[in-house]
């Protein structure tokens, strides 16, 4: 309770009010001079106004593909990209198989049951693949088919 009395602002405010009530020759000029900087800052901040909308940013689209490509060129490039992706996936699979073989060797050298761990890992990979396939099927089943809205409108007519 004693510590709350130390932080009581009442006596301090009473002393301040008593000090301001005493007749002093420079009381009003000092009060005005002390409030002028704060008022000037507030006036400057309040006078800032935006008279027009900022101009819209100019977006530059960077395209590395020619805009006038034919469908055959697009298909050929897509097939080339798919072959590249298949090659990268095959390389990644070889690296993963090599890593698993190294871990299998390390585990058998340290006395760990490698077959059980490998079965659990294969089951986990199978669950992840099944979840991805289910998600893919859900997305494909719920997608909006091109022209579906037009066909629905035509059926109503």
N, C-alpha and C. Protein backbone atom coordinates (compact mmCIF):
# COMPACT_ATOMS: atom_id res chain seq x y z
N UNK A 1 0.82 -1.19 0.00
CA UNK A 1 0.00 0.00 0.00
C UNK A 1 0.86 1.25 0.00
N UNK A 2 1.98 1.17 0.71
CA UNK A 2 2.85 2.33 0.79
C UNK A 2 3.43 2.70 -0.58
N UNK A 3 3.72 1.67 -1.44
CA UNK A 3 4.30 1.96 -2.74
C UNK A 3 3.29 2.65 -3.64
N UNK A 4 1.99 2.41 -3.45
CA UNK A 4 0.99 3.09 -4.27
C UNK A 4 0.93 4.59 -3.94
N UNK A 5 1.21 4.95 -2.70
CA UNK A 5 1.19 6.36 -2.33
C UNK A 5 2.31 7.13 -3.02
N UNK A 6 3.43 6.45 -3.31
CA UNK A 6 4.53 7.15 -3.98
C UNK A 6 4.17 7.52 -5.42
N UNK A 7 3.30 6.72 -6.05
CA UNK A 7 2.98 6.96 -7.45
C UNK A 7 1.64 7.67 -7.63
N UNK A 8 1.13 8.29 -6.61
CA UNK A 8 -0.13 9.00 -6.67
C UNK A 8 0.10 10.36 -7.35
N UNK A 9 -0.54 10.62 -8.50
CA UNK A 9 -0.30 11.88 -9.20
C UNK A 9 -1.07 13.06 -8.59
N UNK A 10 -1.97 12.81 -7.67
CA UNK A 10 -2.80 13.88 -7.10
C UNK A 10 -2.00 15.00 -6.47
N UNK A 11 -1.09 14.70 -5.54
CA UNK A 11 -0.33 15.80 -4.92
C UNK A 11 0.54 16.56 -5.93
N UNK A 12 1.06 15.87 -6.90
CA UNK A 12 1.88 16.56 -7.91
C UNK A 12 1.04 17.51 -8.74
N UNK A 13 -0.16 17.09 -9.14
CA UNK A 13 -1.03 17.98 -9.90
C UNK A 13 -1.50 19.16 -9.04
N UNK A 14 -1.74 18.92 -7.79
CA UNK A 14 -2.15 20.03 -6.90
C UNK A 14 -1.02 21.05 -6.76
N UNK A 15 0.22 20.58 -6.62
CA UNK A 15 1.36 21.50 -6.55
C UNK A 15 1.51 22.28 -7.85
N UNK A 16 1.32 21.60 -9.00
CA UNK A 16 1.45 22.28 -10.29
C UNK A 16 0.38 23.36 -10.44
N UNK A 17 -0.85 23.05 -10.05
CA UNK A 17 -1.93 24.03 -10.14
C UNK A 17 -1.67 25.21 -9.19
N UNK A 18 -1.14 24.95 -8.02
CA UNK A 18 -0.81 26.00 -7.08
C UNK A 18 0.29 26.90 -7.65
N UNK A 19 1.27 26.29 -8.32
CA UNK A 19 2.35 27.05 -8.92
C UNK A 19 1.83 27.94 -10.05
N UNK A 20 0.91 27.42 -10.87
CA UNK A 20 0.37 28.22 -11.96
C UNK A 20 -0.51 29.37 -11.46
N UNK A 21 -1.14 29.23 -10.31
CA UNK A 21 -2.03 30.27 -9.80
C UNK A 21 -1.27 31.43 -9.18
N UNK A 22 -0.02 31.23 -8.81
CA UNK A 22 0.75 32.32 -8.22
C UNK A 22 0.99 33.42 -9.27
N UNK A 23 0.92 34.66 -8.85
CA UNK A 23 1.18 35.75 -9.81
C UNK A 23 2.67 35.83 -10.16
N UNK A 24 2.96 35.65 -11.45
CA UNK A 24 4.33 35.74 -11.95
C UNK A 24 4.30 36.61 -13.20
N UNK A 25 5.32 37.42 -13.41
CA UNK A 25 5.26 38.36 -14.52
C UNK A 25 5.37 37.68 -15.90
N UNK A 26 6.03 36.57 -16.02
CA UNK A 26 6.24 35.95 -17.34
C UNK A 26 5.45 34.64 -17.51
N UNK A 27 4.43 34.45 -16.71
CA UNK A 27 3.67 33.20 -16.75
C UNK A 27 3.01 33.00 -18.12
N UNK A 28 2.31 33.98 -18.65
CA UNK A 28 1.61 33.83 -19.92
C UNK A 28 2.57 33.71 -21.10
N UNK A 29 3.63 34.52 -21.23
CA UNK A 29 4.54 34.34 -22.36
C UNK A 29 5.26 32.99 -22.35
N UNK A 30 5.62 32.49 -21.18
CA UNK A 30 6.28 31.19 -21.11
C UNK A 30 5.30 30.09 -21.51
N UNK A 31 4.05 30.20 -21.08
CA UNK A 31 3.05 29.20 -21.45
C UNK A 31 2.82 29.20 -22.96
N UNK A 32 2.75 30.38 -23.56
CA UNK A 32 2.56 30.46 -25.01
C UNK A 32 3.79 29.93 -25.75
N UNK A 33 4.97 30.31 -25.29
CA UNK A 33 6.20 29.86 -25.94
C UNK A 33 6.38 28.34 -25.83
N UNK A 34 5.90 27.76 -24.78
CA UNK A 34 6.07 26.32 -24.62
C UNK A 34 5.05 25.53 -25.44
N UNK A 35 3.91 26.11 -25.76
CA UNK A 35 2.92 25.39 -26.56
C UNK A 35 3.09 25.63 -28.06
N UNK A 36 3.82 26.65 -28.47
CA UNK A 36 3.98 26.95 -29.90
C UNK A 36 4.64 25.82 -30.69
N UNK A 37 5.73 25.19 -30.24
CA UNK A 37 6.33 24.12 -31.05
C UNK A 37 5.36 22.94 -31.28
N UNK A 38 4.64 22.56 -30.25
CA UNK A 38 3.70 21.45 -30.41
C UNK A 38 2.58 21.83 -31.37
N UNK A 39 2.06 23.04 -31.25
CA UNK A 39 1.01 23.49 -32.16
C UNK A 39 1.52 23.61 -33.59
N UNK A 40 2.75 24.06 -33.76
CA UNK A 40 3.32 24.17 -35.12
C UNK A 40 3.47 22.79 -35.76
N UNK A 41 3.93 21.82 -35.00
CA UNK A 41 4.08 20.47 -35.55
C UNK A 41 2.71 19.89 -35.92
N UNK A 42 1.71 20.08 -35.05
CA UNK A 42 0.38 19.57 -35.34
C UNK A 42 -0.23 20.26 -36.56
N UNK A 43 -0.01 21.56 -36.71
CA UNK A 43 -0.53 22.29 -37.87
C UNK A 43 0.15 21.81 -39.15
N UNK A 44 1.44 21.60 -39.09
CA UNK A 44 2.17 21.11 -40.28
C UNK A 44 1.70 19.71 -40.68
N UNK A 45 1.52 18.83 -39.69
CA UNK A 45 1.09 17.47 -39.99
C UNK A 45 -0.36 17.44 -40.46
N UNK A 46 -1.19 18.31 -39.94
CA UNK A 46 -2.59 18.34 -40.33
C UNK A 46 -2.84 18.98 -41.67
N UNK A 47 -1.93 19.81 -42.13
CA UNK A 47 -2.15 20.50 -43.40
C UNK A 47 -1.76 19.67 -44.60
N UNK A 48 -1.09 18.55 -44.39
CA UNK A 48 -0.67 17.71 -45.51
C UNK A 48 -1.90 17.05 -46.12
N UNK A 49 -2.11 17.31 -47.40
CA UNK A 49 -3.29 16.76 -48.08
C UNK A 49 -2.88 16.25 -49.46
N UNK A 50 -3.58 15.24 -49.90
CA UNK A 50 -3.33 14.69 -51.23
C UNK A 50 -4.47 15.16 -52.12
N UNK A 51 -4.15 15.88 -53.17
CA UNK A 51 -5.20 16.46 -54.00
C UNK A 51 -5.56 15.58 -55.18
N UNK A 52 -4.70 14.63 -55.55
CA UNK A 52 -5.04 13.75 -56.66
C UNK A 52 -4.62 12.33 -56.34
N UNK A 53 -5.23 11.41 -57.03
CA UNK A 53 -4.88 10.01 -56.86
C UNK A 53 -3.47 9.78 -57.38
N UNK A 54 -2.73 8.93 -56.72
CA UNK A 54 -1.40 8.62 -57.26
C UNK A 54 -1.55 7.87 -58.58
N UNK A 55 -0.62 8.08 -59.47
CA UNK A 55 -0.75 7.43 -60.78
C UNK A 55 -0.50 5.94 -60.65
N UNK A 56 -1.22 5.21 -61.46
CA UNK A 56 -1.12 3.76 -61.41
C UNK A 56 0.25 3.32 -61.88
N UNK A 57 0.79 2.29 -61.26
CA UNK A 57 2.10 1.82 -61.69
C UNK A 57 2.02 1.20 -63.08
N UNK A 58 3.08 1.37 -63.82
CA UNK A 58 3.13 0.78 -65.16
C UNK A 58 3.77 -0.59 -65.03
N UNK A 59 3.01 -1.62 -65.40
CA UNK A 59 3.48 -2.99 -65.28
C UNK A 59 4.07 -3.42 -66.62
N UNK A 60 5.27 -3.91 -66.54
CA UNK A 60 5.92 -4.43 -67.73
C UNK A 60 6.01 -5.93 -67.59
N UNK A 61 5.36 -6.62 -68.49
CA UNK A 61 5.41 -8.08 -68.46
C UNK A 61 6.62 -8.54 -69.25
N UNK A 62 7.41 -9.37 -68.63
CA UNK A 62 8.59 -9.89 -69.29
C UNK A 62 8.25 -11.29 -69.79
N UNK A 63 8.36 -11.47 -71.05
CA UNK A 63 8.04 -12.76 -71.62
C UNK A 63 9.23 -13.24 -72.43
N UNK A 64 9.63 -14.48 -72.20
CA UNK A 64 10.73 -15.03 -72.97
C UNK A 64 10.22 -15.86 -74.14
N UNK A 65 8.91 -15.92 -74.25
CA UNK A 65 8.31 -16.70 -75.32
C UNK A 65 7.73 -15.75 -76.37
N UNK A 66 7.84 -16.15 -77.61
CA UNK A 66 7.29 -15.32 -78.69
C UNK A 66 5.77 -15.38 -78.63
N UNK A 67 5.15 -14.25 -78.81
CA UNK A 67 3.69 -14.18 -78.71
C UNK A 67 3.01 -14.83 -79.92
N UNK A 68 3.70 -14.94 -81.04
CA UNK A 68 3.10 -15.47 -82.26
C UNK A 68 3.47 -16.93 -82.51
N UNK A 69 3.71 -17.71 -81.45
CA UNK A 69 4.04 -19.12 -81.63
C UNK A 69 2.81 -19.90 -82.07
N UNK A 70 3.05 -20.92 -82.87
CA UNK A 70 1.94 -21.76 -83.31
C UNK A 70 1.68 -22.84 -82.26
N UNK A 71 0.54 -23.51 -82.39
CA UNK A 71 0.20 -24.57 -81.44
C UNK A 71 1.21 -25.71 -81.53
N UNK A 72 1.70 -25.99 -82.71
CA UNK A 72 2.68 -27.07 -82.88
C UNK A 72 3.98 -26.73 -82.15
N UNK A 73 4.41 -25.47 -82.23
CA UNK A 73 5.62 -25.05 -81.53
C UNK A 73 5.43 -25.15 -80.01
N UNK A 74 4.26 -24.77 -79.56
CA UNK A 74 3.97 -24.84 -78.12
C UNK A 74 3.99 -26.29 -77.66
N UNK A 75 3.35 -27.18 -78.43
CA UNK A 75 3.33 -28.60 -78.07
C UNK A 75 4.74 -29.18 -78.07
N UNK A 76 5.55 -28.81 -79.07
CA UNK A 76 6.91 -29.33 -79.14
C UNK A 76 7.72 -28.87 -77.93
N UNK A 77 7.57 -27.60 -77.56
CA UNK A 77 8.30 -27.10 -76.40
C UNK A 77 7.80 -27.76 -75.11
N UNK A 78 6.50 -27.97 -75.01
CA UNK A 78 5.97 -28.65 -73.83
C UNK A 78 6.50 -30.07 -73.72
N UNK A 79 6.57 -30.78 -74.85
CA UNK A 79 7.11 -32.14 -74.84
C UNK A 79 8.58 -32.15 -74.45
N UNK A 80 9.35 -31.20 -74.97
CA UNK A 80 10.77 -31.11 -74.61
C UNK A 80 10.93 -30.82 -73.12
N UNK A 81 10.11 -29.92 -72.61
CA UNK A 81 10.17 -29.61 -71.17
C UNK A 81 9.77 -30.82 -70.34
N UNK A 82 8.76 -31.58 -70.81
CA UNK A 82 8.34 -32.76 -70.07
C UNK A 82 9.44 -33.81 -70.05
N UNK A 83 10.13 -33.98 -71.18
CA UNK A 83 11.24 -34.93 -71.22
C UNK A 83 12.35 -34.51 -70.24
N UNK A 84 12.61 -33.22 -70.18
CA UNK A 84 13.62 -32.72 -69.25
C UNK A 84 13.19 -33.00 -67.81
N UNK A 85 11.91 -32.77 -67.50
CA UNK A 85 11.40 -33.02 -66.16
C UNK A 85 11.48 -34.51 -65.82
N UNK A 86 11.15 -35.36 -66.80
CA UNK A 86 11.23 -36.81 -66.56
C UNK A 86 12.67 -37.23 -66.28
N UNK A 87 13.60 -36.65 -67.02
CA UNK A 87 15.02 -36.98 -66.80
C UNK A 87 15.46 -36.53 -65.41
N UNK A 88 15.05 -35.33 -65.00
CA UNK A 88 15.40 -34.85 -63.66
C UNK A 88 14.79 -35.72 -62.57
N UNK A 89 13.53 -36.15 -62.76
CA UNK A 89 12.90 -37.03 -61.78
C UNK A 89 13.63 -38.37 -61.69
N UNK A 90 14.05 -38.90 -62.85
CA UNK A 90 14.78 -40.17 -62.86
C UNK A 90 16.12 -40.02 -62.13
N UNK A 91 16.82 -38.92 -62.37
CA UNK A 91 18.10 -38.69 -61.68
C UNK A 91 17.87 -38.56 -60.17
N UNK A 92 16.79 -37.85 -59.80
CA UNK A 92 16.49 -37.69 -58.38
C UNK A 92 16.16 -39.05 -57.75
N UNK A 93 15.44 -39.90 -58.49
CA UNK A 93 15.11 -41.23 -57.97
C UNK A 93 16.37 -42.07 -57.78
N UNK A 94 17.33 -41.96 -58.70
CA UNK A 94 18.59 -42.71 -58.57
C UNK A 94 19.34 -42.23 -57.33
N UNK A 95 19.38 -40.93 -57.13
CA UNK A 95 20.07 -40.37 -55.96
C UNK A 95 19.39 -40.83 -54.67
N UNK A 96 18.05 -40.81 -54.65
CA UNK A 96 17.31 -41.25 -53.46
C UNK A 96 17.56 -42.73 -53.19
N UNK A 97 17.60 -43.55 -54.25
CA UNK A 97 17.86 -44.98 -54.07
C UNK A 97 19.26 -45.21 -53.51
N UNK A 98 20.23 -44.46 -54.01
CA UNK A 98 21.61 -44.57 -53.51
C UNK A 98 21.68 -44.15 -52.04
N UNK A 99 20.96 -43.10 -51.69
CA UNK A 99 20.93 -42.64 -50.31
C UNK A 99 20.31 -43.70 -49.40
N UNK A 100 19.20 -44.30 -49.86
CA UNK A 100 18.57 -45.35 -49.06
C UNK A 100 19.51 -46.53 -48.88
N UNK A 101 20.26 -46.88 -49.93
CA UNK A 101 21.21 -47.99 -49.84
C UNK A 101 22.31 -47.67 -48.83
N UNK A 102 22.80 -46.44 -48.84
CA UNK A 102 23.82 -46.04 -47.87
C UNK A 102 23.29 -46.10 -46.44
N UNK A 103 22.06 -45.62 -46.24
CA UNK A 103 21.47 -45.66 -44.91
C UNK A 103 21.23 -47.11 -44.47
N UNK A 104 20.81 -47.96 -45.42
CA UNK A 104 20.59 -49.36 -45.12
C UNK A 104 21.90 -50.00 -44.66
N UNK A 105 23.00 -49.70 -45.36
CA UNK A 105 24.30 -50.23 -44.99
C UNK A 105 24.73 -49.72 -43.62
N UNK A 106 24.53 -48.43 -43.39
CA UNK A 106 24.88 -47.85 -42.09
C UNK A 106 24.05 -48.47 -40.97
N UNK A 107 22.75 -48.64 -41.22
CA UNK A 107 21.87 -49.22 -40.20
C UNK A 107 22.24 -50.65 -39.88
N UNK A 108 22.55 -51.44 -40.90
CA UNK A 108 22.90 -52.84 -40.63
C UNK A 108 24.26 -52.92 -39.93
N UNK A 109 25.15 -51.97 -40.19
CA UNK A 109 26.45 -51.97 -39.52
C UNK A 109 26.33 -51.58 -38.06
N UNK A 110 25.32 -50.78 -37.72
CA UNK A 110 25.16 -50.35 -36.33
C UNK A 110 24.16 -51.20 -35.57
N UNK A 111 23.58 -52.22 -36.22
CA UNK A 111 22.69 -53.13 -35.53
C UNK A 111 21.25 -52.70 -35.47
N UNK A 112 20.82 -51.86 -36.39
CA UNK A 112 19.44 -51.39 -36.41
C UNK A 112 18.63 -52.33 -37.32
N UNK A 113 17.35 -52.54 -36.98
CA UNK A 113 16.47 -53.37 -37.81
C UNK A 113 16.09 -52.58 -39.06
N UNK A 114 16.86 -52.78 -40.12
CA UNK A 114 16.71 -51.98 -41.33
C UNK A 114 15.46 -52.36 -42.10
N UNK A 115 15.09 -53.63 -42.11
CA UNK A 115 13.93 -54.08 -42.89
C UNK A 115 12.64 -53.45 -42.38
N UNK A 116 12.49 -53.39 -41.05
CA UNK A 116 11.28 -52.79 -40.48
C UNK A 116 11.21 -51.30 -40.80
N UNK A 117 12.33 -50.62 -40.66
CA UNK A 117 12.37 -49.19 -40.97
C UNK A 117 12.07 -48.95 -42.44
N UNK A 118 12.59 -49.81 -43.30
CA UNK A 118 12.36 -49.64 -44.73
C UNK A 118 10.89 -49.89 -45.08
N UNK A 119 10.26 -50.88 -44.44
CA UNK A 119 8.83 -51.13 -44.68
C UNK A 119 8.00 -49.94 -44.21
N UNK A 120 8.35 -49.38 -43.04
CA UNK A 120 7.61 -48.21 -42.55
C UNK A 120 7.78 -47.01 -43.48
N UNK A 121 8.99 -46.82 -43.97
CA UNK A 121 9.23 -45.70 -44.89
C UNK A 121 8.47 -45.89 -46.19
N UNK A 122 8.44 -47.12 -46.70
CA UNK A 122 7.70 -47.39 -47.94
C UNK A 122 6.21 -47.17 -47.72
N UNK A 123 5.69 -47.58 -46.56
CA UNK A 123 4.27 -47.37 -46.26
C UNK A 123 3.96 -45.88 -46.16
N UNK A 124 4.87 -45.11 -45.56
CA UNK A 124 4.66 -43.67 -45.44
C UNK A 124 4.68 -43.00 -46.82
N UNK A 125 5.63 -43.42 -47.66
CA UNK A 125 5.67 -42.86 -49.02
C UNK A 125 4.40 -43.22 -49.79
N UNK A 126 3.91 -44.43 -49.61
CA UNK A 126 2.69 -44.84 -50.29
C UNK A 126 1.50 -44.01 -49.80
N UNK A 127 1.43 -43.74 -48.48
CA UNK A 127 0.35 -42.89 -47.95
C UNK A 127 0.43 -41.48 -48.52
N UNK A 128 1.64 -40.94 -48.61
CA UNK A 128 1.79 -39.59 -49.17
C UNK A 128 1.37 -39.55 -50.63
N UNK A 129 1.76 -40.56 -51.39
CA UNK A 129 1.37 -40.61 -52.80
C UNK A 129 -0.14 -40.76 -52.94
N UNK A 130 -0.75 -41.57 -52.08
CA UNK A 130 -2.21 -41.74 -52.13
C UNK A 130 -2.92 -40.43 -51.78
N UNK A 131 -2.38 -39.70 -50.80
CA UNK A 131 -2.99 -38.42 -50.43
C UNK A 131 -2.86 -37.42 -51.57
N UNK A 132 -1.70 -37.41 -52.24
CA UNK A 132 -1.52 -36.51 -53.39
C UNK A 132 -2.49 -36.87 -54.51
N UNK A 133 -2.63 -38.18 -54.77
CA UNK A 133 -3.53 -38.62 -55.83
C UNK A 133 -4.98 -38.26 -55.50
N UNK A 134 -5.37 -38.44 -54.24
CA UNK A 134 -6.73 -38.10 -53.83
C UNK A 134 -6.98 -36.61 -53.97
N UNK A 135 -6.01 -35.82 -53.57
CA UNK A 135 -6.14 -34.35 -53.69
C UNK A 135 -6.24 -33.96 -55.16
N UNK A 136 -5.44 -34.58 -56.01
CA UNK A 136 -5.46 -34.29 -57.44
C UNK A 136 -6.83 -34.65 -58.03
N UNK A 137 -7.37 -35.82 -57.64
CA UNK A 137 -8.68 -36.24 -58.13
C UNK A 137 -9.78 -35.29 -57.66
N UNK A 138 -9.67 -34.83 -56.41
CA UNK A 138 -10.66 -33.89 -55.88
C UNK A 138 -10.63 -32.58 -56.65
N UNK A 139 -9.44 -32.09 -56.93
CA UNK A 139 -9.32 -30.84 -57.68
C UNK A 139 -9.89 -31.00 -59.08
N UNK A 140 -9.55 -32.10 -59.73
CA UNK A 140 -10.05 -32.33 -61.09
C UNK A 140 -11.56 -32.52 -61.11
N UNK A 141 -12.13 -33.14 -60.08
CA UNK A 141 -13.57 -33.37 -60.04
C UNK A 141 -14.33 -32.07 -59.79
N UNK A 142 -13.73 -31.14 -59.06
CA UNK A 142 -14.43 -29.90 -58.70
C UNK A 142 -14.06 -28.71 -59.57
N UNK A 143 -13.28 -28.93 -60.57
CA UNK A 143 -12.86 -27.79 -61.40
C UNK A 143 -13.99 -27.35 -62.31
N UNK A 144 -13.93 -26.12 -62.75
CA UNK A 144 -14.91 -25.59 -63.69
C UNK A 144 -14.45 -25.98 -65.08
N UNK A 145 -15.32 -26.64 -65.77
CA UNK A 145 -14.97 -27.08 -67.12
C UNK A 145 -15.19 -25.95 -68.10
N UNK A 146 -14.27 -25.74 -69.04
CA UNK A 146 -14.45 -24.65 -70.01
C UNK A 146 -15.74 -24.85 -70.80
N UNK A 147 -16.50 -23.80 -70.89
CA UNK A 147 -17.74 -23.84 -71.66
C UNK A 147 -18.91 -24.41 -70.89
N UNK A 148 -18.72 -24.84 -69.66
CA UNK A 148 -19.81 -25.44 -68.89
C UNK A 148 -20.90 -24.43 -68.58
N UNK A 149 -20.52 -23.21 -68.27
CA UNK A 149 -21.51 -22.18 -67.96
C UNK A 149 -22.32 -21.84 -69.21
N UNK A 150 -21.66 -21.78 -70.36
CA UNK A 150 -22.37 -21.50 -71.61
C UNK A 150 -23.35 -22.62 -71.93
N UNK A 151 -22.93 -23.87 -71.70
CA UNK A 151 -23.81 -25.00 -71.99
C UNK A 151 -25.03 -24.97 -71.09
N UNK A 152 -24.86 -24.60 -69.83
CA UNK A 152 -25.99 -24.52 -68.91
C UNK A 152 -26.97 -23.43 -69.36
N UNK A 153 -26.45 -22.31 -69.83
CA UNK A 153 -27.32 -21.24 -70.31
C UNK A 153 -28.06 -21.66 -71.55
N UNK A 154 -27.38 -22.41 -72.45
CA UNK A 154 -28.02 -22.85 -73.67
C UNK A 154 -29.14 -23.84 -73.38
N UNK A 155 -28.94 -24.69 -72.36
CA UNK A 155 -29.98 -25.66 -72.01
C UNK A 155 -31.21 -24.97 -71.47
N UNK A 156 -31.05 -23.85 -70.76
CA UNK A 156 -32.18 -23.13 -70.21
C UNK A 156 -33.00 -22.47 -71.29
N UNK A 157 -32.38 -22.08 -72.39
CA UNK A 157 -33.10 -21.39 -73.47
C UNK A 157 -34.00 -22.27 -74.22
